[in-house]
Protein backbone atom coordinates (compact mmCIF):
# COMPACT_ATOMS: atom_id res chain seq x y z
CA MET A 1 57.40 55.77 -81.89
CA SER A 2 60.19 54.46 -84.08
CA ALA A 3 62.06 51.30 -83.12
CA LYS A 4 65.30 53.31 -82.88
CA LYS A 5 63.71 55.83 -80.50
CA ALA A 6 62.30 53.03 -78.37
CA ARG A 7 65.71 51.39 -78.09
CA GLU A 8 67.28 54.71 -77.09
CA LEU A 9 64.67 55.28 -74.36
CA THR A 10 65.14 51.77 -73.01
CA LYS A 11 68.92 52.20 -72.92
CA ARG A 12 68.57 55.60 -71.23
CA LYS A 13 66.29 54.16 -68.55
CA SER A 14 68.68 51.33 -67.76
CA ILE A 15 71.58 53.77 -67.39
CA LEU A 16 69.67 56.00 -64.96
CA GLU A 17 68.33 53.09 -62.92
CA THR A 18 71.72 51.46 -62.39
CA SER A 19 72.05 51.29 -58.63
CA GLY A 20 75.09 52.01 -56.49
CA LEU A 21 77.62 54.79 -56.23
CA PRO A 22 80.55 55.12 -58.65
CA GLY A 23 83.54 53.07 -57.52
CA LYS A 24 85.98 55.97 -57.74
CA LEU A 25 83.92 58.13 -55.39
CA ALA A 26 85.63 58.65 -52.03
CA ASP A 27 82.47 59.51 -50.12
CA CYS A 28 82.20 61.37 -46.84
CA SER A 29 81.07 59.59 -43.68
CA SER A 30 78.27 62.03 -42.87
CA THR A 31 74.79 61.07 -44.04
CA ASP A 32 73.50 64.62 -43.58
CA PRO A 33 73.35 66.30 -47.03
CA THR A 34 73.08 69.78 -45.50
CA GLU A 35 76.69 69.62 -44.26
CA SER A 36 78.23 67.52 -47.04
CA GLU A 37 80.35 68.70 -49.99
CA LEU A 38 81.30 66.96 -53.22
CA PHE A 39 84.58 68.01 -54.82
CA ILE A 40 84.75 67.16 -58.52
CA VAL A 41 88.51 66.94 -58.97
CA GLU A 42 90.45 67.11 -62.22
CA GLY A 43 92.55 63.98 -62.71
CA ASP A 44 93.76 61.09 -60.57
CA SER A 45 97.03 62.88 -59.75
CA ALA A 46 95.10 65.58 -57.91
CA ALA A 47 92.61 63.14 -56.40
CA GLY A 48 95.35 61.59 -54.23
CA PRO A 49 96.32 64.80 -52.38
CA ALA A 50 92.64 65.83 -52.24
CA LYS A 51 91.67 62.59 -50.51
CA GLN A 52 94.52 63.04 -48.02
CA ALA A 53 93.69 66.70 -47.42
CA ARG A 54 89.91 66.52 -47.07
CA ASP A 55 87.77 66.48 -43.98
CA SER A 56 86.51 62.96 -44.63
CA ARG A 57 83.50 63.48 -42.39
CA VAL A 58 81.86 66.03 -44.67
CA GLN A 59 83.94 66.20 -47.88
CA ALA A 60 83.66 63.68 -50.71
CA ILE A 61 86.04 63.42 -53.67
CA LEU A 62 85.06 62.38 -57.20
CA PRO A 63 87.95 62.42 -59.70
CA ILE A 64 87.14 62.92 -63.37
CA ARG A 65 89.47 61.88 -66.15
CA GLY A 66 90.57 64.83 -68.27
CA LYS A 67 88.04 66.79 -70.28
CA ILE A 68 84.55 65.28 -69.96
CA ILE A 69 82.31 64.94 -72.99
CA ASN A 70 80.72 68.14 -74.31
CA VAL A 71 77.03 67.36 -73.73
CA GLN A 72 76.00 70.28 -75.94
CA LYS A 73 77.37 68.51 -79.01
CA VAL A 74 76.06 64.96 -78.50
CA THR A 75 72.74 63.22 -78.06
CA GLU A 76 71.40 62.71 -74.56
CA ASN A 77 71.79 58.96 -74.90
CA ARG A 78 75.45 59.25 -75.85
CA ALA A 79 76.09 61.64 -72.97
CA LEU A 80 74.53 59.24 -70.48
CA GLN A 81 76.71 56.39 -71.73
CA ASN A 82 79.84 58.41 -70.94
CA GLU A 83 81.58 57.02 -67.85
CA GLU A 84 82.34 60.42 -66.29
CA ILE A 85 78.80 61.74 -66.83
CA SER A 86 77.31 58.54 -65.42
CA ALA A 87 79.55 58.83 -62.34
CA LEU A 88 78.46 62.43 -61.74
CA ILE A 89 74.77 61.54 -61.96
CA LYS A 90 75.10 58.57 -59.61
CA ALA A 91 77.21 60.45 -57.07
CA ILE A 92 74.88 63.46 -56.83
CA GLY A 93 71.70 61.40 -56.67
CA THR A 94 69.10 63.91 -57.89
CA GLY A 95 68.33 62.34 -61.23
CA ILE A 96 68.25 64.52 -64.34
CA LYS A 97 65.85 66.66 -66.35
CA LEU A 98 62.21 65.63 -65.75
CA GLN A 99 63.31 63.09 -63.14
CA PHE A 100 65.36 65.72 -61.28
CA ASN A 101 64.56 66.02 -57.57
CA GLU A 102 66.68 68.52 -55.65
CA GLU A 103 65.67 66.99 -52.31
CA GLU A 104 67.52 63.82 -53.30
CA SER A 105 70.86 65.64 -53.61
CA ARG A 106 73.45 63.91 -51.47
CA TYR A 107 75.44 67.13 -51.04
CA ASP A 108 74.74 70.76 -50.14
CA LYS A 109 77.72 72.01 -52.16
CA ILE A 110 79.07 70.61 -55.42
CA ILE A 111 82.50 72.15 -55.98
CA PHE A 112 84.60 72.11 -59.16
CA LEU A 113 88.27 71.72 -58.26
CA THR A 114 90.34 71.99 -61.43
CA ASP A 115 93.77 73.31 -62.40
CA ALA A 116 94.17 77.08 -62.35
CA ASP A 117 95.27 77.20 -66.01
CA VAL A 118 93.42 77.35 -69.35
CA ASP A 119 92.85 73.59 -69.45
CA GLY A 120 91.25 73.77 -66.03
CA ALA A 121 88.99 76.58 -67.22
CA HIS A 122 87.93 74.43 -70.18
CA ILE A 123 87.02 71.55 -67.87
CA ARG A 124 85.00 73.91 -65.67
CA THR A 125 83.13 75.09 -68.76
CA LEU A 126 82.35 71.51 -69.78
CA LEU A 127 81.10 70.78 -66.26
CA LEU A 128 78.93 73.90 -66.28
CA THR A 129 77.48 72.83 -69.61
CA PHE A 130 76.57 69.44 -68.14
CA PHE A 131 74.93 70.89 -65.02
CA PHE A 132 73.00 73.52 -66.97
CA LYS A 133 71.65 70.99 -69.44
CA PHE A 134 70.91 68.09 -67.08
CA MET A 135 70.62 69.55 -63.55
CA PRO A 136 69.86 73.29 -63.83
CA GLY A 137 67.99 73.13 -60.53
CA LEU A 138 71.29 72.71 -58.70
CA ILE A 139 72.50 75.99 -60.20
CA THR A 140 69.33 77.96 -59.45
CA SER A 141 69.33 76.66 -55.86
CA GLY A 142 72.93 77.77 -55.33
CA LYS A 143 74.51 74.36 -54.85
CA VAL A 144 77.16 74.60 -57.60
CA TRP A 145 80.47 76.27 -56.74
CA ILE A 146 83.92 76.77 -58.26
CA SER A 147 87.05 76.57 -56.11
CA GLU A 148 89.92 78.92 -56.96
CA PRO A 149 93.23 77.13 -56.35
CA PRO A 150 96.41 79.17 -56.83
CA LEU A 151 98.45 79.26 -60.01
CA TYR A 152 101.59 80.58 -58.30
CA ARG A 153 103.48 80.03 -55.06
CA VAL A 154 105.78 82.83 -53.93
CA LYS A 155 108.45 82.18 -51.31
CA ALA A 156 109.96 85.14 -49.49
CA SER A 157 111.75 85.69 -46.20
CA SER A 158 108.43 86.69 -44.69
CA GLY A 159 106.76 83.43 -45.69
CA ILE A 160 104.79 81.81 -48.53
CA THR A 161 102.09 83.57 -50.54
CA TYR A 162 99.72 81.86 -52.96
CA LEU A 163 98.42 83.79 -55.99
CA LYS A 164 95.50 82.72 -58.14
CA ASP A 165 96.48 84.18 -61.54
CA ASP A 166 98.79 86.43 -63.57
CA GLU A 167 96.95 89.56 -62.47
CA ALA A 168 97.54 88.74 -58.80
CA LEU A 169 101.20 87.96 -59.56
CA ASN A 170 101.76 91.27 -61.33
CA LYS A 171 100.16 93.13 -58.43
CA PHE A 172 102.40 91.28 -55.97
CA LYS A 173 105.51 92.16 -57.99
CA LYS A 174 104.62 95.85 -58.02
CA GLU A 175 103.97 95.88 -54.29
CA ASN A 176 107.19 94.02 -53.51
CA LYS A 177 109.55 95.26 -56.23
CA ASN A 178 112.40 95.94 -53.81
CA LYS A 179 112.18 92.57 -52.09
CA LYS A 180 113.66 89.19 -52.96
CA PHE A 181 111.33 86.29 -53.59
CA ASP A 182 111.13 83.02 -55.51
CA ILE A 183 108.18 82.32 -57.82
CA SER A 184 107.03 78.85 -58.85
CA ARG A 185 104.11 78.04 -61.12
CA PHE A 186 101.91 75.04 -60.44
CA LYS A 187 101.52 72.90 -63.56
CA GLY A 188 98.50 71.30 -61.95
CA LEU A 189 96.77 70.44 -58.70
CA GLY A 190 98.80 67.23 -58.53
CA GLU A 191 101.94 69.28 -57.80
CA MET A 192 100.50 70.45 -54.49
CA ASN A 193 100.93 68.44 -51.34
CA ALA A 194 97.90 67.68 -49.20
CA GLY A 195 98.57 70.58 -46.85
CA GLU A 196 98.78 73.12 -49.64
CA LEU A 197 95.63 71.84 -51.32
CA TRP A 198 93.73 71.94 -48.03
CA ASP A 199 94.85 75.46 -47.15
CA THR A 200 94.27 77.01 -50.57
CA ALA A 201 91.27 75.19 -52.02
CA MET A 202 89.43 73.00 -49.50
CA ASN A 203 89.56 74.51 -46.01
CA PRO A 204 86.28 76.41 -45.44
CA GLU A 205 88.20 78.95 -43.37
CA THR A 206 90.78 79.87 -46.01
CA ARG A 207 89.53 78.77 -49.45
CA THR A 208 87.95 80.99 -52.10
CA LEU A 209 84.73 79.71 -53.68
CA ILE A 210 82.67 81.28 -56.46
CA LYS A 211 78.96 80.51 -56.46
CA VAL A 212 77.54 79.73 -59.91
CA THR A 213 74.37 81.78 -60.32
CA LEU A 214 71.72 82.39 -62.94
CA ALA A 215 70.16 85.83 -63.16
CA ASP A 216 66.68 85.90 -61.64
CA ALA A 217 65.07 87.71 -64.52
CA LYS A 218 62.48 87.00 -67.18
CA GLY A 219 64.03 85.06 -70.03
CA ALA A 220 67.30 84.42 -68.15
CA MET A 221 67.13 80.66 -68.63
CA ALA A 222 66.49 81.01 -72.37
CA LYS A 223 69.33 83.51 -72.74
CA ALA A 224 71.71 81.22 -70.86
CA SER A 225 70.63 78.30 -73.04
CA ASP A 226 71.34 80.32 -76.18
CA MET A 227 74.78 81.26 -74.84
CA PHE A 228 75.71 77.64 -74.12
CA GLU A 229 74.60 76.70 -77.63
CA ILE A 230 76.75 79.45 -79.16
CA LEU A 231 79.86 78.70 -77.10
CA MET A 232 79.62 74.92 -76.82
CA GLY A 233 77.40 73.82 -79.72
CA ASN A 234 78.20 72.53 -83.20
CA ASP A 235 77.71 75.79 -85.11
CA VAL A 236 81.26 77.13 -85.53
CA SER A 237 80.11 80.22 -87.44
CA LYS A 238 78.00 81.46 -84.50
CA ARG A 239 80.87 80.92 -82.10
CA LYS A 240 83.31 82.74 -84.39
CA LEU A 241 80.93 85.68 -84.75
CA PHE A 242 80.48 85.89 -80.97
CA ILE A 243 84.24 85.86 -80.36
CA GLU A 244 84.86 88.54 -82.99
CA LYS A 245 82.15 90.71 -81.49
CA ASN A 246 83.25 90.33 -77.87
CA ALA A 247 87.03 89.82 -78.15
CA LYS A 248 87.78 93.26 -76.68
CA ASP A 249 85.29 92.94 -73.83
CA VAL A 250 87.29 92.21 -70.67
CA ARG A 251 84.37 90.24 -69.21
CA PHE A 252 85.07 87.45 -71.70
CA LEU A 253 88.84 87.28 -71.44
CA ASP A 254 88.76 84.40 -68.93
CA VAL A 255 86.04 82.33 -70.64
């Protein structure tokens, strides 16, 4: 083993063995993982309303600062030195890769709560890349979820309606073309008050969650790994070729 490799392994071990939870984690009071949820929230501005809105008994909040590092493009050691990645690993508690133990997960659901715009979609993709590369067991066991907060708020005489995207807005306009209403677009989660965030993205009775799944088929893991490498890796030519080939496929319009 080279001296450089030995130093990297030593540094990696020390990072993973650092005890304690991340300071910015607003944990839930329950110690029962089967009822606990971790919301990974985009930005400090959204973390404030999320902390106010949450059910503090079973819902924890971990804010992340902007776009996290793309783990597909960097070495494992560099990824583990990243503050946001380190916070995620410590908060979840399972360890990573060969040291991964699903039974040590501190939460039954890990939920991405990001802005409803393109930047939010990019952050979700970066988070998915991290979980697939370092904690794929959480995906295969159905613990990783994506919350769908609204992009638009529509005020009418009949009340307030929240719409998740442009498609939903266009449908609403067609169905209510003879009615008066006022449309406002959320620039980010931080523009919502605690009540709105709770009702639209956090309340188990009213929120919309998408479960992240991996096809249970032979070679599915390898195919997914290849896709992450194409979309998130360093080879620009492969990514360009993929986009050119699939640009007209509606399944990829929201990637």
